[in-house]
């Protein structure tokens, strides 16, 4: 389907003059032309412009916002950890063992379930077997979430209908190396992302180290959400209803989190009851 410039302007909140100015300066959006020379746009251009506007509202300059939206569509799934660290270099990274990572992850999951709102939740599990160990918990998250997607080396798309949507990743996808939990909601924006430090084949699973970053910064959560949505789109297997929810989520500017102390206390509680590893 195609739409005219007036309809594009109406649905994005821009004026026709601004649309033409963006085209002249940035080559974005890129209209086709009818035989009579009239501009026509794809339905997807509405989504692209909304994503640019959401980035602008979060403080990103227009040229950078347009470049980022274009980059998401050409680069495919990338690394959450790398994207967050590259775009937000002020965020600290720490080397953590698996034990505190599990504690923080579960605290985030619990906090997402405890809020009376419908969050957008993503989880990176690397291996399908790792997800199956937590499938019951994530089923509870999905039951009240606006959308809940989990990524791993699944053979095919699965879940849905009140369960987490299982998104398969290609064998060479950078996301297969990562551990991540991302929650975006009106009062809770949080991301935990980590990658396993190399050369630990002789280290027991419970004692392995990960380089991690954990933040409530709404802009960083937006970055992580963009990578997750890009990976979901690139899979080519999601139903239109799920893609619509993801598209709408990127049209909303991120907001600061409330009740951070509650989430941190949940993490401490999990750590307090975690089994000790090693001497």
Protein backbone atom coordinates (compact mmCIF):
# COMPACT_ATOMS: atom_id res chain seq x y z
CA UNK A 1 0.00 0.00 0.00
CA UNK A 2 1.09 3.58 -0.61
CA UNK A 3 -0.08 6.84 0.93
CA UNK A 4 0.22 10.47 -0.08
CA UNK A 5 2.22 13.15 1.65
CA UNK A 6 -0.87 14.58 3.34
CA UNK A 7 -1.76 11.25 4.93
CA UNK A 8 1.89 10.68 5.94
CA UNK A 9 1.97 14.09 7.60
CA UNK A 10 -1.33 13.51 9.39
CA UNK A 11 -0.28 10.15 10.82
CA UNK A 12 3.15 11.29 11.98
CA UNK A 13 2.26 14.75 13.25
CA UNK A 14 4.64 16.49 10.84
CA UNK A 15 3.67 19.14 8.34
CA UNK A 16 4.06 18.54 4.63
CA UNK A 17 6.67 21.28 4.57
CA UNK A 18 8.76 19.46 7.19
CA UNK A 19 8.50 16.16 5.29
CA UNK A 20 9.78 17.87 2.14
CA UNK A 21 12.57 19.57 4.12
CA UNK A 22 13.72 16.22 5.55
CA UNK A 23 13.73 14.73 2.05
CA UNK A 24 15.80 17.61 0.66
CA UNK A 25 18.32 17.63 3.50
CA UNK A 26 18.61 13.97 4.51
CA UNK A 27 17.04 11.99 1.66
CA UNK A 28 14.57 10.68 4.25
CA UNK A 29 11.90 9.50 3.82
CA UNK A 30 12.36 8.36 0.21
CA UNK A 31 9.11 8.70 -1.77
CA UNK A 32 8.22 7.04 -5.01
CA UNK A 33 6.59 9.15 -7.71
CA UNK A 34 3.43 8.64 -9.68
CA UNK A 35 3.35 9.26 -13.44
CA UNK A 36 2.08 12.70 -12.63
CA UNK A 37 5.02 13.38 -10.28
CA UNK A 38 3.04 13.12 -7.02
CA UNK A 39 4.92 11.82 -3.99
CA UNK A 40 3.74 8.47 -2.57
CA UNK A 41 5.12 6.71 0.50
CA UNK A 42 5.13 3.17 1.87
CA UNK A 43 3.20 2.32 5.03
CA UNK A 44 6.57 1.52 6.62
CA UNK A 45 7.57 5.18 6.30
CA UNK A 46 5.04 6.06 9.01
CA UNK A 47 6.84 3.68 11.40
CA UNK A 48 10.27 5.02 10.41
CA UNK A 49 9.30 8.64 11.01
CA UNK A 50 7.69 7.82 14.36
CA UNK A 51 10.89 6.10 15.47
CA UNK A 52 12.94 9.13 14.44
CA UNK A 53 10.61 11.44 16.37
CA UNK A 54 10.82 9.24 19.49
CA UNK A 55 14.61 9.38 19.33
CA UNK A 56 14.49 13.17 18.93
CA UNK A 57 12.24 13.43 21.98
CA UNK A 58 14.78 11.44 23.99
CA UNK A 59 17.51 13.97 23.11
CA UNK A 60 19.08 12.53 19.95
CA UNK A 61 19.86 15.04 17.19
CA UNK A 62 17.73 14.72 14.05
CA UNK A 63 20.56 13.66 11.73
CA UNK A 64 21.71 11.03 14.21
CA UNK A 65 18.17 9.77 14.74
CA UNK A 66 17.63 9.32 11.01
CA UNK A 67 21.00 7.56 10.63
CA UNK A 68 20.17 5.23 13.52
CA UNK A 69 16.79 4.24 12.11
CA UNK A 70 18.36 3.60 8.72
CA UNK A 71 21.15 1.61 10.33
CA UNK A 72 18.71 -0.65 12.16
CA UNK A 73 17.17 -1.64 8.85
CA UNK A 74 20.45 -2.40 7.08
CA UNK A 75 22.69 -3.89 9.75
CA UNK A 76 20.34 -6.55 11.12
CA UNK A 77 20.69 -7.94 14.66
CA UNK A 78 23.68 -6.56 16.51
CA UNK A 79 24.98 -6.77 20.05
CA UNK A 80 22.96 -5.25 22.89
CA UNK A 81 26.07 -4.94 25.03
CA UNK A 82 28.11 -3.27 22.29
CA UNK A 83 25.29 -0.91 21.29
CA UNK A 84 24.69 0.20 24.89
CA UNK A 85 28.41 0.71 25.63
CA UNK A 86 29.12 2.48 22.32
CA UNK A 87 26.19 4.90 22.50
CA UNK A 88 26.45 5.48 26.25
CA UNK A 89 30.19 5.35 27.07
CA UNK A 90 29.64 6.90 30.50
CA UNK A 91 27.98 3.69 31.73
CA UNK A 92 30.24 1.56 33.89
CA UNK A 93 30.96 -2.11 33.19
CA UNK A 94 31.79 -4.70 35.83
CA UNK A 95 33.01 -8.29 35.73
CA UNK A 96 30.45 -10.39 37.62
CA UNK A 97 30.01 -14.08 38.32
CA UNK A 98 26.91 -15.90 37.20
CA UNK A 99 25.43 -15.77 40.72
CA UNK A 100 24.87 -11.98 40.91
CA UNK A 101 23.74 -11.94 37.27
CA UNK A 102 21.01 -14.45 38.10
CA UNK A 103 20.03 -12.40 41.16
CA UNK A 104 19.76 -9.15 39.18
CA UNK A 105 17.90 -10.88 36.33
CA UNK A 106 15.33 -12.39 38.67
CA UNK A 107 14.87 -9.12 40.51
CA UNK A 108 14.14 -7.38 37.19
CA UNK A 109 11.69 -10.15 36.23
CA UNK A 110 9.91 -9.93 39.60
CA UNK A 111 9.67 -6.15 39.43
CA UNK A 112 8.23 -6.33 35.90
CA UNK A 113 5.56 -8.76 37.12
CA UNK A 114 4.73 -6.75 40.25
CA UNK A 115 3.89 -3.51 38.43
CA UNK A 116 0.28 -2.94 37.40
CA UNK A 117 1.16 -2.13 33.79
CA UNK A 118 1.88 -3.96 30.55
CA UNK A 119 5.63 -3.90 29.97
CA UNK A 120 7.65 -4.77 26.91
CA UNK A 121 10.10 -7.50 27.98
CA UNK A 122 13.02 -9.12 26.14
CA UNK A 123 15.33 -11.93 27.25
CA UNK A 124 18.53 -13.26 25.66
CA UNK A 125 19.16 -16.85 26.68
CA UNK A 126 21.88 -18.01 24.26
CA UNK A 127 20.72 -21.65 24.34
CA UNK A 128 17.20 -23.06 24.23
CA UNK A 129 18.06 -25.33 27.16
CA UNK A 130 18.82 -22.28 29.33
CA UNK A 131 15.42 -20.78 28.53
CA UNK A 132 13.58 -24.02 29.32
CA UNK A 133 14.97 -23.84 32.86
CA UNK A 134 13.20 -20.49 33.32
CA UNK A 135 10.20 -21.06 31.04
CA UNK A 136 7.67 -21.10 33.91
CA UNK A 137 8.83 -17.71 35.23
CA UNK A 138 8.81 -16.19 31.77
CA UNK A 139 5.37 -17.61 31.13
CA UNK A 140 4.13 -15.56 34.08
CA UNK A 141 5.84 -12.46 32.72
CA UNK A 142 4.29 -12.96 29.27
CA UNK A 143 0.82 -13.41 30.71
CA UNK A 144 0.56 -9.71 31.65
CA UNK A 145 3.12 -8.14 29.27
CA UNK A 146 2.25 -6.10 26.21
CA UNK A 147 4.85 -8.23 24.45
CA UNK A 148 7.40 -10.72 25.75
CA UNK A 149 10.10 -12.06 23.42
CA UNK A 150 12.91 -14.48 24.18
CA UNK A 151 15.88 -15.11 21.88
CA UNK A 152 18.03 -18.24 21.67
CA UNK A 153 19.15 -20.95 19.26
CA UNK A 154 15.56 -22.10 18.82
CA UNK A 155 14.95 -24.29 15.76
CA UNK A 156 11.82 -22.31 14.89
CA UNK A 157 9.54 -19.58 16.20
CA UNK A 158 7.33 -20.74 19.05
CA UNK A 159 5.24 -19.57 21.98
CA UNK A 160 2.75 -16.73 21.67
CA UNK A 161 -0.83 -16.81 22.83
CA UNK A 162 0.02 -15.80 26.40
CA UNK A 163 3.48 -17.40 26.34
CA UNK A 164 6.81 -15.74 25.49
CA UNK A 165 7.38 -15.53 21.74
CA UNK A 166 10.45 -17.68 21.00
CA UNK A 167 12.60 -15.96 18.37
CA UNK A 168 15.29 -18.10 16.69
CA UNK A 169 18.69 -16.52 16.10
CA UNK A 170 21.11 -17.38 13.31
CA UNK A 171 24.20 -19.38 14.34
CA UNK A 172 26.45 -16.36 13.69
CA UNK A 173 24.23 -13.81 15.48
CA UNK A 174 26.19 -11.74 18.04
CA UNK A 175 23.18 -11.97 20.35
CA UNK A 176 23.85 -15.69 20.85
CA UNK A 177 26.87 -14.71 22.95
CA UNK A 178 24.88 -12.48 25.28
CA UNK A 179 22.88 -12.57 28.47
CA UNK A 180 20.30 -9.79 28.66
CA UNK A 181 17.03 -8.76 30.28
CA UNK A 182 15.35 -5.61 28.96
CA UNK A 183 12.15 -4.12 30.38
CA UNK A 184 10.45 -1.01 29.01
CA UNK A 185 7.29 0.20 30.72
CA UNK A 186 5.71 3.52 31.79
CA UNK A 187 7.37 3.40 35.24
CA UNK A 188 10.17 0.86 34.75
CA UNK A 189 13.04 1.20 32.29
CA UNK A 190 15.92 -1.18 32.95
CA UNK A 191 18.49 -3.21 31.04
CA UNK A 192 20.99 -5.82 32.19
CA UNK A 193 23.35 -6.96 29.45
CA UNK A 194 26.49 -9.08 29.64
CA UNK A 195 28.82 -11.27 27.60
CA UNK A 196 30.82 -14.23 28.87
CA UNK A 197 34.54 -13.60 29.32
CA UNK A 198 36.58 -15.95 27.05
CA UNK A 199 38.86 -18.85 28.07
CA UNK A 200 36.69 -20.26 30.85
CA UNK A 201 36.18 -23.79 29.55
CA UNK A 202 37.65 -25.26 32.75
CA UNK A 203 35.56 -23.04 35.05
CA UNK A 204 32.30 -24.51 36.45
CA UNK A 205 29.17 -22.83 35.05
CA UNK A 206 28.26 -21.26 38.41
CA UNK A 207 31.66 -19.62 38.74
CA UNK A 208 32.09 -18.21 35.25
CA UNK A 209 32.67 -14.49 34.81
CA UNK A 210 30.73 -12.05 32.64
CA UNK A 211 31.45 -8.44 31.72
CA UNK A 212 28.18 -6.69 32.43
CA UNK A 213 26.44 -3.35 32.55
CA UNK A 214 23.20 -2.69 34.43
CA UNK A 215 21.30 0.59 34.20
CA UNK A 216 17.97 2.34 34.64
CA UNK A 217 18.95 5.10 32.18
CA UNK A 218 15.94 5.46 29.82
CA UNK A 219 18.14 6.35 26.84
CA UNK A 220 20.23 3.20 27.30
CA UNK A 221 17.07 1.10 27.67
CA UNK A 222 15.83 2.66 24.41
CA UNK A 223 19.08 1.58 22.72
CA UNK A 224 18.70 -1.99 24.00
CA UNK A 225 15.06 -2.06 22.93
CA UNK A 226 16.00 -0.92 19.42
CA UNK A 227 18.46 -3.83 19.08
CA UNK A 228 15.86 -6.32 20.32
CA UNK A 229 13.18 -5.00 17.97
CA UNK A 230 15.65 -5.05 15.07
CA UNK A 231 16.50 -8.69 15.84
CA UNK A 232 12.81 -9.56 16.02
CA UNK A 233 12.11 -7.90 12.67
CA UNK A 234 15.13 -9.53 11.03
CA UNK A 235 13.98 -12.99 12.07
CA UNK A 236 11.19 -12.71 9.49
CA UNK A 237 9.00 -15.12 11.45
CA UNK A 238 6.93 -12.93 13.78
CA UNK A 239 3.19 -12.40 13.27
CA UNK A 240 2.00 -8.94 12.26
CA UNK A 241 0.26 -8.45 15.63
CA UNK A 242 3.56 -8.79 17.53
CA UNK A 243 5.42 -6.55 15.08
CA UNK A 244 2.70 -3.92 15.50
CA UNK A 245 3.21 -3.87 19.29
CA UNK A 246 6.97 -3.54 18.84
CA UNK A 247 6.56 -0.72 16.31
CA UNK A 248 4.23 1.18 18.62
CA UNK A 249 6.70 0.79 21.50
CA UNK A 250 9.41 2.65 19.59
CA UNK A 251 7.04 5.53 18.93
CA UNK A 252 6.93 6.32 22.67
CA UNK A 253 9.77 8.23 24.33
CA UNK A 254 11.36 6.44 27.32
CA UNK A 255 10.58 7.59 30.85
CA UNK A 256 12.59 7.42 34.10
CA UNK A 257 12.02 4.47 36.41
CA UNK A 258 10.32 4.70 39.79
CA UNK A 259 10.86 2.44 42.77
CA UNK A 260 14.44 1.52 41.89
CA UNK A 261 15.14 0.73 45.54
CA UNK A 262 12.51 -2.04 45.37
CA UNK A 263 14.29 -3.75 42.49
CA UNK A 264 17.70 -3.44 44.15
CA UNK A 265 16.36 -4.95 47.38
CA UNK A 266 14.95 -7.89 45.42
CA UNK A 267 18.41 -8.49 43.95
CA UNK A 268 20.02 -8.41 47.40
CA UNK A 269 17.43 -10.88 48.65
CA UNK A 270 18.23 -13.32 45.83
CA UNK A 271 21.96 -12.96 46.53
CA UNK A 272 21.45 -13.59 50.22
CA UNK A 273 19.80 -16.94 49.52
CA UNK A 274 22.01 -18.01 46.62
CA UNK A 275 24.23 -21.07 47.19
CA UNK A 276 27.92 -20.29 47.60
CA UNK A 277 30.31 -21.42 44.86
CA UNK A 278 33.85 -22.53 45.58
CA UNK A 279 35.83 -22.06 48.83
